[in-house]
Amino acid sequence: MATTDPADEIDVDVAVVGAGPAGLSAALVLARARRSVLVVDSNRPRNAATLASHGFLTRDGISPLELRKLGREELAQYPQVTFTQAVVESVRRGRDRFTLAAMSRTGAVQGRARIVVIATGLTEVLPELPTLRAFYGTSIHSCIECDAYEKRDEPLALIGESADLAERAVLLTQWTDDLIVFTNGSSAVTADEEDQLAKRGVRVERRPLADVEGDRSGLTGIRLADGEVVPRSGAFVRPVWVPAIDYAHPLKLKRDDAGLLVVDSEGRTNLPGVFAVGDSTPPGPQQLIVAAGAGAKAGSAINRMLLGLDNPALR
């Protein structure tokens, strides 16, 4: 795998924007199909604060950063893959190529590609609690399927203001029978949902929150605005997720009501030649192994497209 000089303009078969599991998997499949690939990544992953990721077969418990590192190392054996650490500022459609403009620490990077894969995922806006970030990734998490097992049988909190909060609470009851849902003064949980949660032993706390509390051992409680502290040893939050795809605005790609890129089963967007995989596609945040699978599937579809095998006359 090569690295780029900022003065270079790289011309490749496929440009992959984002080097998480989805983007790296797509790049690996394409490299093994002998395609030239440019991978551009800002090295600002959403899960950087998470110490361990789970549910990835053979890699259960690995650090997400280590998983990315291993993926990079595997791609390094393929000379037709070029990697650059840079922030993509725009992707535009030309006559026969897409053009990418990116900025690295040392200068501008320009790329041209027949196909573009968008794999930059999401940014997340967490509840505005001053100390939450200090415990995020250790005592406080956002992915229930990823991290609830490690919090099993503990007194847990679920914090959020979204309409799916009650549904997520029901999901959490698989791992604990001591759960309190904190709506932070919002109406995220309806009266009927509260009744249904109560039947499962889940309490809903509607008072506004002030902060979370803890020490070196981890989270110890949730502090309400009136000063009361509710003891909890772990928590899950429901962030607001925002697709990190402003650079793709010139392509006018179709989005759903949540702003996610609409794709088919193989990652094709509404614009021929542009694929999207991972968290920036419905349903949004995904387990790493699911994102990796989507990237691999798109990689295979892209290779067939470049061969012309998406043309019915060639089948």
C-alpha atoms as a PDB file:
ATOM      1  CA  MET A   1       0.000   0.000   0.000  1.00  0.00           C
ATOM      2  CA  ALA A   2       1.347   3.389  -0.980  1.00  0.00           C
ATOM      3  CA  THR A   3       0.928   6.734   0.722  1.00  0.00           C
ATOM      4  CA  THR A   4       0.392   9.998  -1.105  1.00  0.00           C
ATOM      5  CA  ASP A   5       2.388  13.127  -1.692  1.00  0.00           C
ATOM      6  CA  PRO A   6       0.110  16.165  -1.305  1.00  0.00           C
ATOM      7  CA  ALA A   7       1.229  17.399  -4.728  1.00  0.00           C
ATOM      8  CA  ASP A   8       0.019  14.230  -6.421  1.00  0.00           C
ATOM      9  CA  GLU A   9      -3.258  13.781  -8.245  1.00  0.00           C
ATOM     10  CA  ILE A  10      -4.210  10.154  -7.807  1.00  0.00           C
ATOM     11  CA  ASP A  11      -6.185   8.470 -10.587  1.00  0.00           C
ATOM     12  CA  VAL A  12      -7.786   5.163  -9.529  1.00  0.00           C
ATOM     13  CA  ASP A  13     -10.612   2.801 -10.250  1.00  0.00           C
ATOM     14  CA  VAL A  14     -12.273   3.371  -6.868  1.00  0.00           C
ATOM     15  CA  ALA A  15     -11.984   6.018  -4.161  1.00  0.00           C
ATOM     16  CA  VAL A  16     -13.113   4.959  -0.692  1.00  0.00           C
ATOM     17  CA  VAL A  17     -13.858   7.795   1.714  1.00  0.00           C
ATOM     18  CA  GLY A  18     -13.589   6.512   5.270  1.00  0.00           C
ATOM     19  CA  ALA A  19     -11.405   3.767   6.751  1.00  0.00           C
ATOM     20  CA  GLY A  20     -13.666   2.140   9.285  1.00  0.00           C
ATOM     21  CA  PRO A  21     -14.698  -1.520   8.946  1.00  0.00           C
ATOM     22  CA  ALA A  22     -17.072  -0.756   6.048  1.00  0.00           C
ATOM     23  CA  GLY A  23     -14.600   1.230   3.990  1.00  0.00           C
ATOM     24  CA  LEU A  24     -11.647  -1.060   4.687  1.00  0.00           C
ATOM     25  CA  SER A  25     -13.667  -4.158   3.792  1.00  0.00           C
ATOM     26  CA  ALA A  26     -14.749  -2.627   0.491  1.00  0.00           C
ATOM     27  CA  ALA A  27     -11.140  -1.649  -0.243  1.00  0.00           C
ATOM     28  CA  LEU A  28      -9.873  -5.143   0.579  1.00  0.00           C
ATOM     29  CA  VAL A  29     -12.331  -6.883  -1.742  1.00  0.00           C
ATOM     30  CA  LEU A  30     -11.474  -4.440  -4.534  1.00  0.00           C
ATOM     31  CA  ALA A  31      -7.721  -4.791  -3.980  1.00  0.00           C
ATOM     32  CA  ARG A  32      -8.040  -8.551  -4.262  1.00  0.00           C
ATOM     33  CA  ALA A  33      -9.943  -8.008  -7.511  1.00  0.00           C
ATOM     34  CA  ARG A  34      -6.823  -6.161  -8.727  1.00  0.00           C
ATOM     35  CA  ARG A  35      -8.527  -2.779  -8.715  1.00  0.00           C
ATOM     36  CA  SER A  36      -6.608   0.391  -7.968  1.00  0.00           C
ATOM     37  CA  VAL A  37      -8.023   1.954  -4.809  1.00  0.00           C
ATOM     38  CA  LEU A  38      -7.544   5.255  -3.013  1.00  0.00           C
ATOM     39  CA  VAL A  39      -8.565   5.235   0.654  1.00  0.00           C
ATOM     40  CA  VAL A  40      -8.983   8.656   2.251  1.00  0.00           C
ATOM     41  CA  ASP A  41      -9.574   8.868   5.992  1.00  0.00           C
ATOM     42  CA  SER A  42      -9.533  11.696   8.542  1.00  0.00           C
ATOM     43  CA  ASN A  43      -8.564   9.381  11.434  1.00  0.00           C
ATOM     44  CA  ARG A  44     -11.418  10.765  13.552  1.00  0.00           C
ATOM     45  CA  PRO A  45     -13.587   7.691  14.205  1.00  0.00           C
ATOM     46  CA  ARG A  46     -16.842   8.115  16.107  1.00  0.00           C
ATOM     47  CA  ASN A  47     -15.989   5.206  18.421  1.00  0.00           C
ATOM     48  CA  ALA A  48     -12.498   6.443  19.331  1.00  0.00           C
ATOM     49  CA  ALA A  49     -13.455   6.665  23.029  1.00  0.00           C
ATOM     50  CA  THR A  50     -14.585   3.029  23.143  1.00  0.00           C
ATOM     51  CA  LEU A  51     -12.017   0.712  24.727  1.00  0.00           C
ATOM     52  CA  ALA A  52     -13.499  -2.526  23.404  1.00  0.00           C
ATOM     53  CA  SER A  53     -15.895  -3.503  20.637  1.00  0.00           C
ATOM     54  CA  HIS A  54     -17.927  -6.676  20.695  1.00  0.00           C
ATOM     55  CA  GLY A  55     -19.750  -9.078  18.428  1.00  0.00           C
ATOM     56  CA  PHE A  56     -17.057  -9.203  15.725  1.00  0.00           C
ATOM     57  CA  LEU A  57     -16.277 -12.882  15.194  1.00  0.00           C
ATOM     58  CA  THR A  58     -12.642 -13.725  16.135  1.00  0.00           C
ATOM     59  CA  ARG A  59     -12.161 -10.146  17.396  1.00  0.00           C
ATOM     60  CA  ASP A  60     -14.631  -9.945  20.291  1.00  0.00           C
ATOM     61  CA  GLY A  61     -13.368  -7.377  22.800  1.00  0.00           C
ATOM     62  CA  ILE A  62     -10.864  -5.732  20.471  1.00  0.00           C
ATOM     63  CA  SER A  63     -10.322  -1.984  20.587  1.00  0.00           C
ATOM     64  CA  PRO A  64     -12.010  -0.315  17.592  1.00  0.00           C
ATOM     65  CA  LEU A  65      -8.767   1.548  16.938  1.00  0.00           C
ATOM     66  CA  GLU A  66      -6.831  -1.720  16.921  1.00  0.00           C
ATOM     67  CA  LEU A  67      -9.357  -3.208  14.481  1.00  0.00           C
ATOM     68  CA  ARG A  68      -8.795  -0.277  12.128  1.00  0.00           C
ATOM     69  CA  LYS A  69      -5.035  -0.693  12.516  1.00  0.00           C
ATOM     70  CA  LEU A  70      -5.206  -4.383  11.612  1.00  0.00           C
ATOM     71  CA  GLY A  71      -7.318  -3.565   8.573  1.00  0.00           C
ATOM     72  CA  ARG A  72      -4.781  -0.999   7.410  1.00  0.00           C
ATOM     73  CA  GLU A  73      -1.979  -3.532   7.859  1.00  0.00           C
ATOM     74  CA  GLU A  74      -3.825  -6.103   5.754  1.00  0.00           C
ATOM     75  CA  LEU A  75      -4.338  -3.577   2.957  1.00  0.00           C
ATOM     76  CA  ALA A  76      -0.658  -2.641   3.080  1.00  0.00           C
ATOM     77  CA  GLN A  77       0.287  -5.841   1.246  1.00  0.00           C
ATOM     78  CA  TYR A  78      -1.588  -4.702  -1.877  1.00  0.00           C
ATOM     79  CA  PRO A  79       0.513  -2.276  -3.949  1.00  0.00           C
ATOM     80  CA  GLN A  80      -2.494  -1.010  -5.897  1.00  0.00           C
ATOM     81  CA  VAL A  81      -4.000   0.522  -2.732  1.00  0.00           C
ATOM     82  CA  THR A  82      -3.065   4.103  -1.840  1.00  0.00           C
ATOM     83  CA  PHE A  83      -3.891   5.512   1.582  1.00  0.00           C
ATOM     84  CA  THR A  84      -3.953   9.142   2.616  1.00  0.00           C
ATOM     85  CA  GLN A  85      -4.897  10.696   5.941  1.00  0.00           C
ATOM     86  CA  ALA A  86      -6.909  13.745   4.991  1.00  0.00           C
ATOM     87  CA  VAL A  87     -10.299  15.365   5.336  1.00  0.00           C
ATOM     88  CA  VAL A  88     -12.352  15.167   2.141  1.00  0.00           C
ATOM     89  CA  GLU A  89     -13.822  18.571   1.398  1.00  0.00           C
ATOM     90  CA  SER A  90     -15.805  17.767  -1.750  1.00  0.00           C
ATOM     91  CA  VAL A  91     -16.653  15.041  -4.234  1.00  0.00           C
ATOM     92  CA  ARG A  92     -17.892  16.110  -7.654  1.00  0.00           C
ATOM     93  CA  ARG A  93     -19.020  14.312 -10.752  1.00  0.00           C
ATOM     94  CA  GLY A  94     -17.040  14.979 -13.927  1.00  0.00           C
ATOM     95  CA  ARG A  95     -17.431  13.767 -17.492  1.00  0.00           C
ATOM     96  CA  ASP A  96     -15.917  10.320 -16.938  1.00  0.00           C
ATOM     97  CA  ARG A  97     -14.507  10.517 -13.408  1.00  0.00           C
ATOM     98  CA  PHE A  98     -15.427  11.713  -9.958  1.00  0.00           C
ATOM     99  CA  THR A  99     -13.030  14.251  -8.499  1.00  0.00           C
ATOM    100  CA  LEU A 100     -12.135  14.423  -4.822  1.00  0.00           C
ATOM    101  CA  ALA A 101     -10.620  17.405  -3.063  1.00  0.00           C
ATOM    102  CA  ALA A 102      -9.120  16.707   0.349  1.00  0.00           C
ATOM    103  CA  MET A 103      -6.848  18.499   2.794  1.00  0.00           C
ATOM    104  CA  SER A 104      -4.129  16.774   4.789  1.00  0.00           C
ATOM    105  CA  ARG A 105      -1.832  18.259   7.434  1.00  0.00           C
ATOM    106  CA  THR A 106       0.753  18.914   4.729  1.00  0.00           C
ATOM    107  CA  GLY A 107      -1.425  20.223   1.923  1.00  0.00           C
ATOM    108  CA  ALA A 108      -4.146  19.561  -0.627  1.00  0.00           C
ATOM    109  CA  VAL A 109      -4.798  16.099  -2.048  1.00  0.00           C
ATOM    110  CA  GLN A 110      -6.606  15.587  -5.347  1.00  0.00           C
ATOM    111  CA  GLY A 111      -8.117  12.326  -6.528  1.00  0.00           C
ATOM    112  CA  ARG A 112      -9.933  11.036  -9.592  1.00  0.00           C
ATOM    113  CA  ALA A 113     -11.940   7.808  -9.599  1.00  0.00           C
ATOM    114  CA  ARG A 114     -14.425   5.922 -11.704  1.00  0.00           C
ATOM    115  CA  ILE A 115     -16.364   4.864  -8.612  1.00  0.00           C
ATOM    116  CA  VAL A 116     -16.737   6.466  -5.179  1.00  0.00           C
ATOM    117  CA  VAL A 117     -17.591   4.642  -1.955  1.00  0.00           C
ATOM    118  CA  ILE A 118     -18.912   6.784   0.897  1.00  0.00           C
ATOM    119  CA  ALA A 119     -18.038   5.153   4.216  1.00  0.00           C
ATOM    120  CA  THR A 120     -17.611   8.101   6.585  1.00  0.00           C
ATOM    121  CA  GLY A 121     -20.384   7.118   8.955  1.00  0.00           C
ATOM    122  CA  LEU A 122     -21.887   9.498  11.495  1.00  0.00           C
ATOM    123  CA  THR A 123     -21.085  12.100  14.060  1.00  0.00           C
ATOM    124  CA  GLU A 124     -22.990  11.934  17.321  1.00  0.00           C
ATOM    125  CA  VAL A 125     -24.401  14.638  19.531  1.00  0.00           C
ATOM    126  CA  LEU A 126     -24.583  13.430  23.131  1.00  0.00           C
ATOM    127  CA  PRO A 127     -26.881  14.763  25.870  1.00  0.00           C
ATOM    128  CA  GLU A 128     -25.526  18.020  27.267  1.00  0.00           C
ATOM    129  CA  LEU A 129     -24.277  16.734  30.607  1.00  0.00           C
ATOM    130  CA  PRO A 130     -20.921  18.266  31.648  1.00  0.00           C
ATOM    131  CA  THR A 131     -19.206  15.110  32.892  1.00  0.00           C
ATOM    132  CA  LEU A 132     -20.693  12.567  30.490  1.00  0.00           C
ATOM    133  CA  ARG A 133     -17.660  12.479  28.167  1.00  0.00           C
ATOM    134  CA  ALA A 134     -15.410  11.473  31.071  1.00  0.00           C
ATOM    135  CA  PHE A 135     -17.257   8.160  31.346  1.00  0.00           C
ATOM    136  CA  TYR A 136     -18.213   7.663  27.711  1.00  0.00           C
ATOM    137  CA  GLY A 137     -16.778   4.451  26.338  1.00  0.00           C
ATOM    138  CA  THR A 138     -16.173   2.937  29.783  1.00  0.00           C
ATOM    139  CA  SER A 139     -19.244   3.243  32.034  1.00  0.00           C
ATOM    140  CA  ILE A 140     -21.536   4.957  29.520  1.00  0.00           C
ATOM    141  CA  HIS A 141     -22.235   3.628  26.035  1.00  0.00           C
ATOM    142  CA  SER A 142     -24.588   4.198  23.122  1.00  0.00           C
ATOM    143  CA  CYS A 143     -24.729   0.741  21.478  1.00  0.00           C
ATOM    144  CA  ILE A 144     -26.847  -1.650  23.521  1.00  0.00           C
ATOM    145  CA  GLU A 145     -26.115  -4.725  21.387  1.00  0.00           C
ATOM    146  CA  CYS A 146     -22.386  -3.954  21.541  1.00  0.00           C
ATOM    147  CA  ASP A 147     -21.907  -3.253  25.239  1.00  0.00           C
ATOM    148  CA  ALA A 148     -24.885  -4.350  27.345  1.00  0.00           C
ATOM    149  CA  TYR A 149     -23.438  -7.795  28.060  1.00  0.00           C
ATOM    150  CA  GLU A 150     -20.572  -6.244  30.016  1.00  0.00           C
ATOM    151  CA  LYS A 151     -23.158  -4.328  32.108  1.00  0.00           C
ATOM    152  CA  ARG A 152     -25.397  -7.325  32.718  1.00  0.00           C
ATOM    153  CA  ASP A 153     -27.246  -7.485  36.041  1.00  0.00           C
ATOM    154  CA  GLU A 154     -26.070  -3.984  37.030  1.00  0.00           C
ATOM    155  CA  PRO A 155     -28.300  -1.029  37.994  1.00  0.00           C
ATOM    156  CA  LEU A 156     -28.427   0.856  34.693  1.00  0.00           C
ATOM    157  CA  ALA A 157     -29.676   4.161  33.350  1.00  0.00           C
ATOM    158  CA  LEU A 158     -30.987   4.897  29.873  1.00  0.00           C
ATOM    159  CA  ILE A 159     -30.732   8.595  29.005  1.00  0.00           C
ATOM    160  CA  GLY A 160     -32.313  10.216  25.978  1.00  0.00           C
ATOM    161  CA  GLU A 161     -34.991  12.363  24.443  1.00  0.00           C
ATOM    162  CA  SER A 162     -35.853  10.454  21.259  1.00  0.00           C
ATOM    163  CA  ALA A 163     -39.105   8.819  20.263  1.00  0.00           C
ATOM    164  CA  ASP A 164     -37.535   5.334  20.315  1.00  0.00           C
ATOM    165  CA  LEU A 165     -36.444   5.572  23.959  1.00  0.00           C
ATOM    166  CA  ALA A 166     -39.088   3.144  25.242  1.00  0.00           C
ATOM    167  CA  GLU A 167     -38.157   0.588  22.592  1.00  0.00           C
ATOM    168  CA  ARG A 168     -34.507   0.812  23.596  1.00  0.00           C
ATOM    169  CA  ALA A 169     -35.506   0.398  27.232  1.00  0.00           C
ATOM    170  CA  VAL A 170     -37.313  -2.840  26.434  1.00  0.00           C
ATOM    171  CA  LEU A 171     -34.195  -4.051  24.644  1.00  0.00           C
ATOM    172  CA  LEU A 172     -32.062  -3.314  27.715  1.00  0.00           C
ATOM    173  CA  THR A 173     -34.288  -5.450  29.946  1.00  0.00           C
ATOM    174  CA  GLN A 174     -32.637  -8.444  28.281  1.00  0.00           C
ATOM    175  CA  TRP A 175     -29.524  -7.669  30.354  1.00  0.00           C
ATOM    176  CA  THR A 176     -30.805  -6.084  33.571  1.00  0.00           C
ATOM    177  CA  ASP A 177     -33.891  -6.043  35.770  1.00  0.00           C
ATOM    178  CA  ASP A 178     -32.812  -2.752  37.403  1.00  0.00           C
ATOM    179  CA  LEU A 179     -33.313  -0.053  34.795  1.00  0.00           C
ATOM    180  CA  ILE A 180     -34.384   3.568  35.052  1.00  0.00           C
ATOM    181  CA  VAL A 181     -35.170   5.624  31.961  1.00  0.00           C
ATOM    182  CA  PHE A 182     -34.238   9.310  32.267  1.00  0.00           C
ATOM    183  CA  THR A 183     -36.072  11.551  29.782  1.00  0.00           C
ATOM    184  CA  ASN A 184     -34.372  14.781  30.948  1.00  0.00           C
ATOM    185  CA  GLY A 185     -37.630  16.699  31.170  1.00  0.00           C
ATOM    186  CA  SER A 186     -38.773  15.689  27.683  1.00  0.00           C
ATOM    187  CA  SER A 187     -41.902  13.820  26.579  1.00  0.00           C
ATOM    188  CA  ALA A 188     -39.873  11.102  24.827  1.00  0.00           C
ATOM    189  CA  VAL A 189     -41.797   8.349  26.632  1.00  0.00           C
ATOM    190  CA  THR A 190     -45.585   8.476  26.336  1.00  0.00           C
ATOM    191  CA  ALA A 191     -47.905   7.659  29.231  1.00  0.00           C
ATOM    192  CA  ASP A 192     -48.908   4.388  27.557  1.00  0.00           C
ATOM    193  CA  GLU A 193     -45.244   3.449  27.043  1.00  0.00           C
ATOM    194  CA  GLU A 194     -44.528   4.250  30.671  1.00  0.00           C
ATOM    195  CA  ASP A 195     -47.310   1.874  31.733  1.00  0.00           C
ATOM    196  CA  GLN A 196     -45.894  -0.866  29.529  1.00  0.00           C
ATOM    197  CA  LEU A 197     -42.389  -0.326  30.878  1.00  0.00           C
ATOM    198  CA  ALA A 198     -43.671  -0.437  34.439  1.00  0.00           C
ATOM    199  CA  LYS A 199     -45.023  -3.939  33.771  1.00  0.00           C
ATOM    200  CA  ARG A 200     -41.438  -4.928  32.970  1.00  0.00           C
ATOM    201  CA  GLY A 201     -40.142  -3.353  36.160  1.00  0.00           C
ATOM    202  CA  VAL A 202     -38.707  -0.296  34.413  1.00  0.00           C
ATOM    203  CA  ARG A 203     -39.116   3.098  36.050  1.00  0.00           C
ATOM    204  CA  VAL A 204     -39.341   6.342  34.048  1.00  0.00           C
ATOM    205  CA  GLU A 205     -37.759   9.445  35.600  1.00  0.00           C
ATOM    206  CA  ARG A 206     -39.003  12.589  33.877  1.00  0.00           C
ATOM    207  CA  ARG A 207     -37.231  15.269  35.915  1.00  0.00           C
ATOM    208  CA  PRO A 208     -34.469  17.279  34.171  1.00  0.00           C
ATOM    209  CA  LEU A 209     -30.876  16.148  34.621  1.00  0.00           C
ATOM    210  CA  ALA A 210     -27.888  18.147  35.847  1.00  0.00           C
ATOM    211  CA  ASP A 211     -25.000  15.722  35.247  1.00  0.00           C
ATOM    212  CA  VAL A 212     -23.608  12.263  35.804  1.00  0.00           C
ATOM    213  CA  GLU A 213     -21.390  11.433  38.769  1.00  0.00           C
ATOM    214  CA  GLY A 214     -18.551   8.997  39.334  1.00  0.00           C
ATOM    215  CA  ASP A 215     -14.998   8.362  40.421  1.00  0.00           C
ATOM    216  CA  ARG A 216     -11.981   6.407  39.232  1.00  0.00           C
ATOM    217  CA  SER A 217     -13.947   3.180  39.488  1.00  0.00           C
ATOM    218  CA  GLY A 218     -16.555   4.476  37.049  1.00  0.00           C
ATOM    219  CA  LEU A 219     -20.061   5.872  37.061  1.00  0.00           C
ATOM    220  CA  THR A 220     -21.802   6.044  40.430  1.00  0.00           C
ATOM    221  CA  GLY A 221     -25.005   7.954  39.747  1.00  0.00           C
ATOM    222  CA  ILE A 222     -27.191  10.337  37.777  1.00  0.00           C
ATOM    223  CA  ARG A 223     -27.650  13.785  39.335  1.00  0.00           C
ATOM    224  CA  LEU A 224     -31.011  15.440  38.782  1.00  0.00           C
ATOM    225  CA  ALA A 225     -31.455  19.188  38.430  1.00  0.00           C
ATOM    226  CA  ASP A 226     -33.058  19.331  41.879  1.00  0.00           C
ATOM    227  CA  GLY A 227     -29.900  17.869  43.428  1.00  0.00           C
ATOM    228  CA  GLU A 228     -31.025  14.286  44.000  1.00  0.00           C
ATOM    229  CA  VAL A 229     -28.501  11.643  42.917  1.00  0.00           C
ATOM    230  CA  VAL A 230     -29.894   8.329  41.656  1.00  0.00           C
ATOM    231  CA  PRO A 231     -27.304   5.560  42.142  1.00  0.00           C
ATOM    232  CA  ARG A 232     -26.358   3.806  38.878  1.00  0.00           C
ATOM    233  CA  SER A 233     -23.200   1.917  37.921  1.00  0.00           C
ATOM    234  CA  GLY A 234     -23.679   2.037  34.166  1.00  0.00           C
ATOM    235  CA  ALA A 235     -25.656   3.934  31.555  1.00  0.00           C
ATOM    236  CA  PHE A 236     -26.644   3.973  27.932  1.00  0.00           C
ATOM    237  CA  VAL A 237     -27.381   7.171  26.061  1.00  0.00           C
ATOM    238  CA  ARG A 238     -29.369   7.803  22.933  1.00  0.00           C
ATOM    239  CA  PRO A 239     -27.340  10.320  20.905  1.00  0.00           C
ATOM    240  CA  VAL A 240     -28.578  12.352  17.978  1.00  0.00           C
ATOM    241  CA  TRP A 241     -26.728  10.932  14.974  1.00  0.00           C
ATOM    242  CA  VAL A 242     -25.811  13.142  12.029  1.00  0.00           C
ATOM    243  CA  PRO A 243     -24.423  11.682   8.772  1.00  0.00           C
ATOM    244  CA  ALA A 244     -20.846  12.899   8.195  1.00  0.00           C
ATOM    245  CA  ILE A 245     -21.322  13.469   4.474  1.00  0.00           C
ATOM    246  CA  ASP A 246     -21.372  17.224   3.905  1.00  0.00           C
ATOM    247  CA  TYR A 247     -18.558  16.799   1.380  1.00  0.00           C
ATOM    248  CA  ALA A 248     -20.932  14.793  -0.858  1.00  0.00           C
ATOM    249  CA  HIS A 249     -23.503  17.611  -1.107  1.00  0.00           C
ATOM    250  CA  PRO A 250     -22.562  18.442  -4.751  1.00  0.00           C
ATOM    251  CA  LEU A 251     -23.661  14.917  -5.762  1.00  0.00           C
ATOM    252  CA  LYS A 252     -27.271  15.557  -4.645  1.00  0.00           C
ATOM    253  CA  LEU A 253     -27.686  12.021  -3.324  1.00  0.00           C
ATOM    254  CA  LYS A 254     -31.088  10.842  -2.161  1.00  0.00           C
ATOM    255  CA  ARG A 255     -31.581  10.756   1.615  1.00  0.00           C
ATOM    256  CA  ASP A 256     -34.278   9.426   3.916  1.00  0.00           C
ATOM    257  CA  ASP A 257     -36.110  11.385   6.611  1.00  0.00           C
ATOM    258  CA  ALA A 258     -33.169  10.891   9.003  1.00  0.00           C
ATOM    259  CA  GLY A 259     -30.700  12.289   6.473  1.00  0.00           C
ATOM    260  CA  LEU A 260     -29.171   8.875   5.765  1.00  0.00           C
ATOM    261  CA  LEU A 261     -28.169   7.902   2.225  1.00  0.00           C
ATOM    262  CA  VAL A 262     -30.726   5.715   0.481  1.00  0.00           C
ATOM    263  CA  VAL A 263     -29.067   2.636  -1.038  1.00  0.00           C
ATOM    264  CA  ASP A 264     -30.037  -0.700  -2.535  1.00  0.00           C
ATOM    265  CA  SER A 265     -29.022  -4.074  -1.120  1.00  0.00           C
ATOM    266  CA  GLU A 266     -25.495  -3.741  -2.544  1.00  0.00           C
ATOM    267  CA  GLY A 267     -24.874  -0.137  -1.519  1.00  0.00           C
ATOM    268  CA  ARG A 268     -25.769   1.687  -4.744  1.00  0.00           C
ATOM    269  CA  THR A 269     -27.071   5.222  -4.300  1.00  0.00           C
ATOM    270  CA  ASN A 270     -29.373   6.973  -6.744  1.00  0.00           C
ATOM    271  CA  LEU A 271     -26.331   8.342  -8.607  1.00  0.00           C
ATOM    272  CA  PRO A 272     -24.594   5.753 -10.811  1.00  0.00           C
ATOM    273  CA  GLY A 273     -21.026   5.222  -9.717  1.00  0.00           C
ATOM    274  CA  VAL A 274     -21.566   6.259  -6.101  1.00  0.00           C
ATOM    275  CA  PHE A 275     -21.934   3.633  -3.388  1.00  0.00           C
ATOM    276  CA  ALA A 276     -22.479   4.126   0.344  1.00  0.00           C
ATOM    277  CA  VAL A 277     -21.876   1.628   3.154  1.00  0.00           C
ATOM    278  CA  GLY A 278     -21.912   1.596   6.924  1.00  0.00           C
ATOM    279  CA  ASP A 279     -23.485   3.978   9.398  1.00  0.00           C
ATOM    280  CA  SER A 280     -24.384   6.708   6.887  1.00  0.00           C
ATOM    281  CA  THR A 281     -26.976   4.360   5.358  1.00  0.00           C
ATOM    282  CA  PRO A 282     -30.231   3.109   6.921  1.00  0.00           C
ATOM    283  CA  PRO A 283     -30.808   2.107   9.649  1.00  0.00           C
ATOM    284  CA  GLY A 284     -27.872   4.212  10.867  1.00  0.00           C
ATOM    285  CA  PRO A 285     -25.457   3.031  13.591  1.00  0.00           C
ATOM    286  CA  GLN A 286     -24.512  -0.592  13.024  1.00  0.00           C
ATOM    287  CA  GLN A 287     -22.374  -3.219  14.696  1.00  0.00           C
ATOM    288  CA  LEU A 288     -18.881  -3.234  13.241  1.00  0.00           C
ATOM    289  CA  ILE A 289     -19.267  -6.695  11.751  1.00  0.00           C
ATOM    290  CA  VAL A 290     -22.452  -5.641   9.960  1.00  0.00           C
ATOM    291  CA  ALA A 291     -20.737  -2.564   8.526  1.00  0.00           C
ATOM    292  CA  ALA A 292     -17.799  -4.710   7.400  1.00  0.00           C
ATOM    293  CA  GLY A 293     -20.171  -7.107   5.655  1.00  0.00           C
ATOM    294  CA  ALA A 294     -21.873  -4.240   3.835  1.00  0.00           C
ATOM    295  CA  GLY A 295     -18.487  -2.996   2.654  1.00  0.00           C
ATOM    296  CA  ALA A 296     -17.473  -6.410   1.347  1.00  0.00           C
ATOM    297  CA  LYS A 297     -20.784  -6.798  -0.480  1.00  0.00           C
ATOM    298  CA  ALA A 298     -20.429  -3.384  -2.107  1.00  0.00           C
ATOM    299  CA  GLY A 299     -16.843  -4.178  -3.119  1.00  0.00           C
ATOM    300  CA  SER A 300     -17.999  -7.236  -5.043  1.00  0.00           C
ATOM    301  CA  ALA A 301     -20.807  -5.276  -6.711  1.00  0.00           C
ATOM    302  CA  ILE A 302     -18.392  -2.522  -7.735  1.00  0.00           C
ATOM    303  CA  ASN A 303     -15.988  -4.977  -9.339  1.00  0.00           C
ATOM    304  CA  ARG A 304     -18.816  -6.494 -11.349  1.00  0.00           C
ATOM    305  CA  MET A 305     -19.966  -3.029 -12.365  1.00  0.00           C
ATOM    306  CA  LEU A 306     -16.487  -2.129 -13.612  1.00  0.00           C
ATOM    307  CA  LEU A 307     -16.454  -5.342 -15.648  1.00  0.00           C
ATOM    308  CA  GLY A 308     -19.790  -4.431 -17.190  1.00  0.00           C
ATOM    309  CA  LEU A 309     -21.505  -7.381 -15.552  1.00  0.00           C
ATOM    310  CA  ASP A 310     -24.324  -5.168 -14.305  1.00  0.00           C
ATOM    311  CA  ASN A 311     -25.343  -4.970 -17.972  1.00  0.00           C
ATOM    312  CA  PRO A 312     -28.049  -7.642 -18.581  1.00  0.00           C
ATOM    313  CA  ALA A 313     -26.661  -8.236 -22.094  1.00  0.00           C
ATOM    314  CA  LEU A 314     -23.451  -9.645 -20.547  1.00  0.00           C
ATOM    315  CA  ARG A 315     -25.127 -12.034 -18.114  1.00  0.00           C
END
